[in-house]
N, C-alpha and C. Protein backbone atom coordinates (compact mmCIF):
# COMPACT_ATOMS: atom_id res chain seq x y z
N UNK A 1 15.00 -13.35 -31.85
CA UNK A 1 15.77 -14.43 -31.25
C UNK A 1 14.82 -15.36 -30.48
N UNK A 2 14.99 -16.64 -30.68
CA UNK A 2 14.12 -17.61 -30.02
C UNK A 2 14.59 -17.87 -28.60
N UNK A 3 13.62 -18.07 -27.71
CA UNK A 3 13.93 -18.49 -26.35
C UNK A 3 14.28 -19.97 -26.35
N UNK A 4 14.83 -20.44 -25.25
CA UNK A 4 15.22 -21.84 -25.14
C UNK A 4 14.03 -22.78 -25.35
N UNK A 5 12.88 -22.46 -24.76
CA UNK A 5 11.70 -23.30 -24.91
C UNK A 5 11.21 -23.32 -26.36
N UNK A 6 11.34 -22.21 -27.04
CA UNK A 6 10.93 -22.15 -28.44
C UNK A 6 11.85 -22.98 -29.33
N UNK A 7 13.14 -22.98 -29.00
CA UNK A 7 14.09 -23.84 -29.72
C UNK A 7 13.73 -25.31 -29.51
N UNK A 8 13.40 -25.66 -28.28
CA UNK A 8 13.05 -27.05 -27.98
C UNK A 8 11.82 -27.48 -28.78
N UNK A 9 10.80 -26.62 -28.81
CA UNK A 9 9.59 -26.95 -29.57
C UNK A 9 9.91 -27.07 -31.06
N UNK A 10 10.69 -26.14 -31.59
CA UNK A 10 11.03 -26.15 -33.01
C UNK A 10 11.81 -27.41 -33.39
N UNK A 11 12.85 -27.71 -32.63
CA UNK A 11 13.66 -28.89 -32.93
C UNK A 11 12.86 -30.17 -32.72
N UNK A 12 12.03 -30.21 -31.69
CA UNK A 12 11.18 -31.38 -31.44
C UNK A 12 10.22 -31.61 -32.60
N UNK A 13 9.62 -30.54 -33.09
CA UNK A 13 8.69 -30.67 -34.22
C UNK A 13 9.41 -31.18 -35.46
N UNK A 14 10.60 -30.67 -35.70
CA UNK A 14 11.36 -31.13 -36.87
C UNK A 14 11.75 -32.60 -36.73
N UNK A 15 12.19 -33.00 -35.55
CA UNK A 15 12.53 -34.40 -35.30
C UNK A 15 11.28 -35.27 -35.48
N UNK A 16 10.17 -34.81 -34.98
CA UNK A 16 8.90 -35.54 -35.09
C UNK A 16 8.57 -35.83 -36.55
N UNK A 17 8.55 -34.79 -37.37
CA UNK A 17 8.17 -34.96 -38.77
C UNK A 17 9.22 -35.73 -39.56
N UNK A 18 10.49 -35.44 -39.35
CA UNK A 18 11.55 -36.15 -40.07
C UNK A 18 11.55 -37.63 -39.70
N UNK A 19 11.30 -37.94 -38.44
CA UNK A 19 11.24 -39.34 -38.02
C UNK A 19 10.07 -40.07 -38.66
N UNK A 20 8.92 -39.41 -38.74
CA UNK A 20 7.76 -40.04 -39.37
C UNK A 20 8.03 -40.23 -40.87
N UNK A 21 8.69 -39.28 -41.49
CA UNK A 21 9.09 -39.44 -42.89
C UNK A 21 9.97 -40.68 -43.03
N UNK A 22 10.92 -40.82 -42.11
CA UNK A 22 11.79 -41.99 -42.12
C UNK A 22 11.02 -43.29 -41.95
N UNK A 23 10.02 -43.27 -41.08
CA UNK A 23 9.18 -44.47 -40.87
C UNK A 23 8.46 -44.83 -42.17
N UNK A 24 7.84 -43.86 -42.82
CA UNK A 24 7.10 -44.14 -44.06
C UNK A 24 8.01 -44.68 -45.15
N UNK A 25 9.17 -44.07 -45.33
CA UNK A 25 10.08 -44.51 -46.39
C UNK A 25 10.66 -45.88 -46.08
N UNK A 26 11.07 -46.10 -44.84
CA UNK A 26 11.64 -47.41 -44.49
C UNK A 26 10.58 -48.51 -44.57
N UNK A 27 9.34 -48.22 -44.23
CA UNK A 27 8.26 -49.20 -44.38
C UNK A 27 8.00 -49.49 -45.85
N UNK A 28 8.05 -48.46 -46.68
CA UNK A 28 7.84 -48.66 -48.12
C UNK A 28 8.93 -49.56 -48.70
N UNK A 29 10.12 -49.46 -48.17
CA UNK A 29 11.24 -50.28 -48.64
C UNK A 29 11.38 -51.57 -47.85
N UNK A 30 10.41 -51.82 -46.94
CA UNK A 30 10.36 -53.02 -46.10
C UNK A 30 11.63 -53.22 -45.26
N UNK A 31 12.13 -52.14 -44.73
CA UNK A 31 13.29 -52.17 -43.82
C UNK A 31 12.74 -51.98 -42.41
N UNK A 32 12.21 -53.06 -41.84
CA UNK A 32 11.47 -52.97 -40.58
C UNK A 32 12.35 -52.63 -39.38
N UNK A 33 13.60 -53.06 -39.37
CA UNK A 33 14.48 -52.69 -38.25
C UNK A 33 14.78 -51.19 -38.30
N UNK A 34 14.90 -50.65 -39.50
CA UNK A 34 15.13 -49.22 -39.66
C UNK A 34 13.88 -48.44 -39.23
N UNK A 35 12.73 -48.99 -39.53
CA UNK A 35 11.47 -48.36 -39.12
C UNK A 35 11.44 -48.19 -37.60
N UNK A 36 11.82 -49.23 -36.91
CA UNK A 36 11.83 -49.18 -35.44
C UNK A 36 12.82 -48.13 -34.94
N UNK A 37 13.95 -48.02 -35.62
CA UNK A 37 14.95 -47.02 -35.22
C UNK A 37 14.44 -45.59 -35.41
N UNK A 38 13.63 -45.38 -36.43
CA UNK A 38 13.04 -44.06 -36.63
C UNK A 38 11.96 -43.77 -35.59
N UNK A 39 11.38 -44.81 -35.01
CA UNK A 39 10.36 -44.61 -33.98
C UNK A 39 10.92 -44.17 -32.65
N UNK A 40 12.16 -44.52 -32.38
CA UNK A 40 12.77 -44.18 -31.09
C UNK A 40 12.90 -42.67 -30.87
N UNK A 41 13.38 -41.89 -31.87
CA UNK A 41 13.44 -40.44 -31.64
C UNK A 41 12.07 -39.82 -31.38
N UNK A 42 11.04 -40.40 -31.99
CA UNK A 42 9.69 -39.88 -31.76
C UNK A 42 9.35 -40.02 -30.27
N UNK A 43 9.63 -41.19 -29.72
CA UNK A 43 9.33 -41.42 -28.30
C UNK A 43 10.23 -40.58 -27.39
N UNK A 44 11.46 -40.36 -27.84
CA UNK A 44 12.39 -39.56 -27.04
C UNK A 44 11.90 -38.12 -26.88
N UNK A 45 10.99 -37.70 -27.74
CA UNK A 45 10.44 -36.35 -27.63
C UNK A 45 9.63 -36.14 -26.35
N UNK A 46 9.27 -37.22 -25.68
CA UNK A 46 8.59 -37.08 -24.39
C UNK A 46 9.45 -36.28 -23.41
N UNK A 47 10.76 -36.43 -23.49
CA UNK A 47 11.65 -35.76 -22.54
C UNK A 47 11.67 -34.25 -22.74
N UNK A 48 12.04 -33.75 -23.94
CA UNK A 48 12.07 -32.28 -24.08
C UNK A 48 10.69 -31.64 -23.97
N UNK A 49 9.65 -32.34 -24.44
CA UNK A 49 8.32 -31.76 -24.35
C UNK A 49 7.83 -31.71 -22.90
N UNK A 50 8.26 -32.68 -22.09
CA UNK A 50 7.93 -32.63 -20.66
C UNK A 50 8.62 -31.43 -20.02
N UNK A 51 9.87 -31.20 -20.39
CA UNK A 51 10.59 -30.04 -19.87
C UNK A 51 9.85 -28.75 -20.22
N UNK A 52 9.45 -28.61 -21.47
CA UNK A 52 8.73 -27.41 -21.90
C UNK A 52 7.41 -27.28 -21.16
N UNK A 53 6.69 -28.38 -21.00
CA UNK A 53 5.40 -28.35 -20.30
C UNK A 53 5.57 -27.87 -18.86
N UNK A 54 6.54 -28.42 -18.16
CA UNK A 54 6.80 -28.02 -16.78
C UNK A 54 7.23 -26.56 -16.72
N UNK A 55 8.09 -26.16 -17.64
CA UNK A 55 8.53 -24.76 -17.70
C UNK A 55 7.34 -23.83 -17.90
N UNK A 56 6.42 -24.21 -18.78
CA UNK A 56 5.24 -23.39 -19.02
C UNK A 56 4.31 -23.36 -17.81
N UNK A 57 4.25 -24.47 -17.07
CA UNK A 57 3.45 -24.45 -15.84
C UNK A 57 4.03 -23.46 -14.84
N UNK A 58 5.35 -23.38 -14.79
CA UNK A 58 6.02 -22.47 -13.85
C UNK A 58 5.82 -21.01 -14.25
N UNK A 59 6.03 -20.70 -15.54
CA UNK A 59 5.94 -19.30 -15.96
C UNK A 59 4.52 -18.88 -16.33
N UNK A 60 3.67 -19.86 -16.63
CA UNK A 60 2.30 -19.57 -17.03
C UNK A 60 2.18 -19.35 -18.52
N UNK A 61 1.20 -19.97 -19.10
CA UNK A 61 0.93 -19.85 -20.54
C UNK A 61 -0.58 -19.88 -20.76
N UNK A 62 -0.96 -19.61 -21.99
CA UNK A 62 -2.37 -19.70 -22.35
C UNK A 62 -2.82 -21.16 -22.30
N UNK A 63 -4.09 -21.38 -22.05
CA UNK A 63 -4.65 -22.73 -21.97
C UNK A 63 -4.41 -23.52 -23.25
N UNK A 64 -4.51 -22.87 -24.39
CA UNK A 64 -4.37 -23.59 -25.66
C UNK A 64 -2.97 -24.21 -25.80
N UNK A 65 -1.96 -23.59 -25.25
CA UNK A 65 -0.60 -24.14 -25.30
C UNK A 65 -0.54 -25.45 -24.52
N UNK A 66 -1.15 -25.47 -23.35
CA UNK A 66 -1.19 -26.70 -22.55
C UNK A 66 -1.96 -27.79 -23.29
N UNK A 67 -3.04 -27.41 -23.96
CA UNK A 67 -3.84 -28.39 -24.70
C UNK A 67 -3.02 -28.98 -25.83
N UNK A 68 -2.32 -28.14 -26.59
CA UNK A 68 -1.50 -28.64 -27.71
C UNK A 68 -0.44 -29.61 -27.21
N UNK A 69 0.25 -29.25 -26.15
CA UNK A 69 1.31 -30.12 -25.64
C UNK A 69 0.71 -31.41 -25.09
N UNK A 70 -0.43 -31.34 -24.43
CA UNK A 70 -1.10 -32.53 -23.91
C UNK A 70 -1.52 -33.47 -25.05
N UNK A 71 -1.99 -32.90 -26.15
CA UNK A 71 -2.36 -33.73 -27.30
C UNK A 71 -1.13 -34.42 -27.91
N UNK A 72 -0.02 -33.72 -27.93
CA UNK A 72 1.23 -34.33 -28.40
C UNK A 72 1.63 -35.46 -27.45
N UNK A 73 1.53 -35.20 -26.14
CA UNK A 73 1.82 -36.26 -25.15
C UNK A 73 0.93 -37.48 -25.38
N UNK A 74 -0.36 -37.24 -25.62
CA UNK A 74 -1.30 -38.35 -25.82
C UNK A 74 -0.83 -39.23 -26.97
N UNK A 75 -0.46 -38.62 -28.08
CA UNK A 75 0.03 -39.41 -29.22
C UNK A 75 1.30 -40.16 -28.85
N UNK A 76 2.26 -39.48 -28.24
CA UNK A 76 3.53 -40.12 -27.91
C UNK A 76 3.34 -41.29 -26.94
N UNK A 77 2.45 -41.15 -25.99
CA UNK A 77 2.20 -42.22 -25.02
C UNK A 77 1.49 -43.40 -25.69
N UNK A 78 0.52 -43.11 -26.55
CA UNK A 78 -0.15 -44.20 -27.29
C UNK A 78 0.86 -44.93 -28.15
N UNK A 79 1.71 -44.18 -28.84
CA UNK A 79 2.76 -44.78 -29.67
C UNK A 79 3.68 -45.67 -28.83
N UNK A 80 4.07 -45.18 -27.67
CA UNK A 80 4.94 -45.94 -26.77
C UNK A 80 4.29 -47.26 -26.38
N UNK A 81 3.04 -47.19 -25.94
CA UNK A 81 2.37 -48.39 -25.46
C UNK A 81 2.05 -49.38 -26.59
N UNK A 82 1.52 -48.89 -27.70
CA UNK A 82 1.10 -49.81 -28.75
C UNK A 82 2.28 -50.41 -29.52
N UNK A 83 3.28 -49.61 -29.82
CA UNK A 83 4.38 -50.09 -30.66
C UNK A 83 5.57 -50.66 -29.87
N UNK A 84 5.81 -50.16 -28.68
CA UNK A 84 7.04 -50.53 -27.99
C UNK A 84 6.83 -51.37 -26.74
N UNK A 85 5.73 -51.18 -26.03
CA UNK A 85 5.51 -51.95 -24.80
C UNK A 85 4.61 -53.15 -25.09
N UNK A 86 3.41 -52.90 -25.60
CA UNK A 86 2.48 -54.00 -25.87
C UNK A 86 2.76 -54.70 -27.20
N UNK A 87 3.38 -53.99 -28.13
CA UNK A 87 3.72 -54.51 -29.46
C UNK A 87 2.50 -55.13 -30.16
N UNK A 88 1.43 -54.35 -30.17
CA UNK A 88 0.18 -54.77 -30.79
C UNK A 88 0.20 -54.39 -32.27
N UNK A 89 -0.27 -55.28 -33.12
CA UNK A 89 -0.40 -54.99 -34.56
C UNK A 89 -1.73 -54.29 -34.80
N UNK A 90 -1.87 -53.09 -34.30
CA UNK A 90 -3.13 -52.36 -34.38
C UNK A 90 -3.36 -51.75 -35.76
N UNK A 91 -2.35 -51.66 -36.59
CA UNK A 91 -2.50 -51.06 -37.92
C UNK A 91 -3.21 -51.99 -38.91
N UNK A 92 -3.37 -53.23 -38.55
CA UNK A 92 -4.01 -54.21 -39.44
C UNK A 92 -5.53 -54.04 -39.48
N UNK A 93 -6.11 -53.57 -38.40
CA UNK A 93 -7.57 -53.42 -38.33
C UNK A 93 -7.94 -51.94 -38.43
N UNK A 94 -8.90 -51.65 -39.29
CA UNK A 94 -9.35 -50.27 -39.47
C UNK A 94 -9.89 -49.69 -38.17
N UNK A 95 -10.57 -50.50 -37.39
CA UNK A 95 -11.20 -50.00 -36.16
C UNK A 95 -10.17 -49.51 -35.14
N UNK A 96 -8.95 -50.00 -35.21
CA UNK A 96 -7.92 -49.52 -34.29
C UNK A 96 -6.95 -48.56 -34.98
N UNK A 97 -6.82 -48.68 -36.29
CA UNK A 97 -5.87 -47.84 -37.01
C UNK A 97 -6.39 -46.41 -37.21
N UNK A 98 -7.68 -46.27 -37.50
CA UNK A 98 -8.25 -44.94 -37.74
C UNK A 98 -8.12 -44.02 -36.52
N UNK A 99 -8.48 -44.47 -35.32
CA UNK A 99 -8.29 -43.58 -34.16
C UNK A 99 -6.81 -43.20 -33.96
N UNK A 100 -5.92 -44.13 -34.24
CA UNK A 100 -4.49 -43.84 -34.14
C UNK A 100 -4.09 -42.76 -35.15
N UNK A 101 -4.57 -42.88 -36.37
CA UNK A 101 -4.25 -41.89 -37.40
C UNK A 101 -4.79 -40.52 -37.01
N UNK A 102 -6.01 -40.49 -36.49
CA UNK A 102 -6.59 -39.22 -36.04
C UNK A 102 -5.73 -38.60 -34.96
N UNK A 103 -5.30 -39.39 -33.99
CA UNK A 103 -4.45 -38.88 -32.92
C UNK A 103 -3.10 -38.40 -33.46
N UNK A 104 -2.58 -39.13 -34.43
CA UNK A 104 -1.30 -38.72 -35.05
C UNK A 104 -1.43 -37.35 -35.72
N UNK A 105 -2.51 -37.14 -36.45
CA UNK A 105 -2.70 -35.86 -37.12
C UNK A 105 -3.01 -34.75 -36.13
N UNK A 106 -3.67 -35.07 -35.05
CA UNK A 106 -3.89 -34.08 -33.99
C UNK A 106 -2.54 -33.62 -33.43
N UNK A 107 -1.61 -34.57 -33.23
CA UNK A 107 -0.26 -34.21 -32.77
C UNK A 107 0.47 -33.38 -33.82
N UNK A 108 0.32 -33.75 -35.09
CA UNK A 108 0.95 -32.97 -36.16
C UNK A 108 0.48 -31.53 -36.14
N UNK A 109 -0.83 -31.34 -36.09
CA UNK A 109 -1.37 -29.99 -36.11
C UNK A 109 -1.05 -29.24 -34.82
N UNK A 110 -0.93 -29.95 -33.72
CA UNK A 110 -0.53 -29.30 -32.47
C UNK A 110 0.88 -28.73 -32.59
N UNK A 111 1.79 -29.50 -33.19
CA UNK A 111 3.13 -28.99 -33.42
C UNK A 111 3.10 -27.77 -34.35
N UNK A 112 2.28 -27.84 -35.38
CA UNK A 112 2.18 -26.70 -36.32
C UNK A 112 1.65 -25.47 -35.61
N UNK A 113 0.60 -25.63 -34.81
CA UNK A 113 0.03 -24.48 -34.09
C UNK A 113 1.03 -23.91 -33.09
N UNK A 114 1.76 -24.79 -32.39
CA UNK A 114 2.80 -24.30 -31.48
C UNK A 114 3.87 -23.52 -32.24
N UNK A 115 4.24 -24.03 -33.41
CA UNK A 115 5.27 -23.37 -34.22
C UNK A 115 4.81 -21.99 -34.69
N UNK A 116 3.58 -21.89 -35.14
CA UNK A 116 3.08 -20.57 -35.56
C UNK A 116 2.95 -19.63 -34.37
N UNK A 117 2.77 -20.19 -33.17
CA UNK A 117 2.76 -19.37 -31.96
C UNK A 117 4.13 -18.77 -31.65
N UNK A 118 5.16 -19.41 -32.13
CA UNK A 118 6.52 -18.89 -31.94
C UNK A 118 6.74 -17.72 -32.89
N UNK A 119 6.61 -17.97 -34.18
CA UNK A 119 6.59 -16.92 -35.20
C UNK A 119 6.21 -17.55 -36.54
N UNK A 120 5.93 -16.70 -37.50
CA UNK A 120 5.45 -17.19 -38.80
C UNK A 120 6.49 -18.00 -39.55
N UNK A 121 7.75 -17.60 -39.47
CA UNK A 121 8.80 -18.32 -40.20
C UNK A 121 8.92 -19.75 -39.67
N UNK A 122 8.98 -19.90 -38.35
CA UNK A 122 9.05 -21.24 -37.75
C UNK A 122 7.79 -22.02 -38.11
N UNK A 123 6.65 -21.37 -38.08
CA UNK A 123 5.40 -22.02 -38.44
C UNK A 123 5.43 -22.57 -39.85
N UNK A 124 5.95 -21.80 -40.79
CA UNK A 124 6.02 -22.27 -42.17
C UNK A 124 7.06 -23.37 -42.34
N UNK A 125 8.16 -23.28 -41.63
CA UNK A 125 9.17 -24.34 -41.70
C UNK A 125 8.57 -25.67 -41.23
N UNK A 126 7.86 -25.63 -40.11
CA UNK A 126 7.25 -26.85 -39.58
C UNK A 126 6.12 -27.31 -40.50
N UNK A 127 5.39 -26.39 -41.10
CA UNK A 127 4.35 -26.76 -42.06
C UNK A 127 4.94 -27.46 -43.27
N UNK A 128 6.09 -27.00 -43.74
CA UNK A 128 6.77 -27.66 -44.86
C UNK A 128 7.18 -29.08 -44.45
N UNK A 129 7.64 -29.23 -43.22
CA UNK A 129 7.95 -30.59 -42.72
C UNK A 129 6.71 -31.47 -42.75
N UNK A 130 5.56 -30.91 -42.38
CA UNK A 130 4.31 -31.66 -42.42
C UNK A 130 3.98 -32.08 -43.85
N UNK A 131 4.11 -31.17 -44.81
CA UNK A 131 3.81 -31.50 -46.20
C UNK A 131 4.79 -32.53 -46.74
N UNK A 132 6.04 -32.45 -46.31
CA UNK A 132 7.02 -33.48 -46.70
C UNK A 132 6.61 -34.83 -46.15
N UNK A 133 6.07 -34.84 -44.93
CA UNK A 133 5.57 -36.08 -44.35
C UNK A 133 4.43 -36.65 -45.19
N UNK A 134 3.55 -35.79 -45.68
CA UNK A 134 2.46 -36.26 -46.53
C UNK A 134 2.97 -36.83 -47.84
N UNK A 135 4.02 -36.24 -48.40
CA UNK A 135 4.63 -36.77 -49.61
C UNK A 135 5.19 -38.17 -49.34
N UNK A 136 5.85 -38.33 -48.19
CA UNK A 136 6.38 -39.64 -47.82
C UNK A 136 5.26 -40.65 -47.61
N UNK A 137 4.14 -40.21 -47.05
CA UNK A 137 2.98 -41.08 -46.89
C UNK A 137 2.44 -41.52 -48.24
N UNK A 138 2.34 -40.60 -49.18
CA UNK A 138 1.87 -40.95 -50.52
C UNK A 138 2.83 -41.96 -51.16
N UNK A 139 4.12 -41.74 -51.01
CA UNK A 139 5.12 -42.68 -51.53
C UNK A 139 4.90 -44.07 -50.92
N UNK A 140 4.68 -44.11 -49.61
CA UNK A 140 4.44 -45.38 -48.92
C UNK A 140 3.20 -46.08 -49.47
N UNK A 141 2.11 -45.34 -49.63
CA UNK A 141 0.86 -45.92 -50.10
C UNK A 141 0.99 -46.42 -51.54
N UNK A 142 1.59 -45.63 -52.40
CA UNK A 142 1.78 -46.02 -53.80
C UNK A 142 2.66 -47.27 -53.89
N UNK A 143 3.74 -47.29 -53.14
CA UNK A 143 4.64 -48.45 -53.13
C UNK A 143 3.92 -49.69 -52.64
N UNK A 144 3.12 -49.54 -51.59
CA UNK A 144 2.37 -50.67 -51.04
C UNK A 144 1.36 -51.20 -52.05
N UNK A 145 0.66 -50.30 -52.73
CA UNK A 145 -0.34 -50.71 -53.74
C UNK A 145 0.34 -51.43 -54.91
N UNK A 146 1.50 -50.95 -55.34
CA UNK A 146 2.22 -51.61 -56.43
C UNK A 146 2.63 -53.01 -56.03
N UNK A 147 3.09 -53.18 -54.80
CA UNK A 147 3.50 -54.51 -54.31
C UNK A 147 2.30 -55.45 -54.22
N UNK A 148 1.15 -54.93 -53.80
CA UNK A 148 -0.05 -55.75 -53.72
C UNK A 148 -0.50 -56.21 -55.10
N UNK A 149 -0.36 -55.36 -56.11
CA UNK A 149 -0.75 -55.73 -57.47
C UNK A 149 0.17 -56.80 -58.05
N UNK A 150 1.43 -56.79 -57.63
CA UNK A 150 2.39 -57.76 -58.15
C UNK A 150 2.26 -59.14 -57.53
N UNK A 151 1.49 -59.25 -56.45
CA UNK A 151 1.34 -60.56 -55.80
C UNK A 151 0.16 -61.30 -56.33
């Protein structure tokens, strides 16, 4: 049976990956308002993850757990500032997009490591969500390349 904090991490990870899948698919279909709507749940994850972080500070956890959650926070805060507060088109330049992608994947793997820390079944479920996200990314890239060839 999962503890409350483990449920929060599991559901947060699923929301994270499903929302990113939604972003990739809506961008591929050029539905930009829908893309923004998929970004909001990602940012909302700051709330439950903050709760888990504080709970872990109170009960005590291994250092690696704090590091994983902090890395997730780093991605969520960068996402908040770049996409929602500053509204910078940072994805257009490789020099700003690559560090963002690296941070995004660090957050992805942090969720996966946290999930495997809960148990193997949850770890595999979240890993499948990650692989589904990669499929959505491939769909986005292929769709974008086809559109570029048609212009």
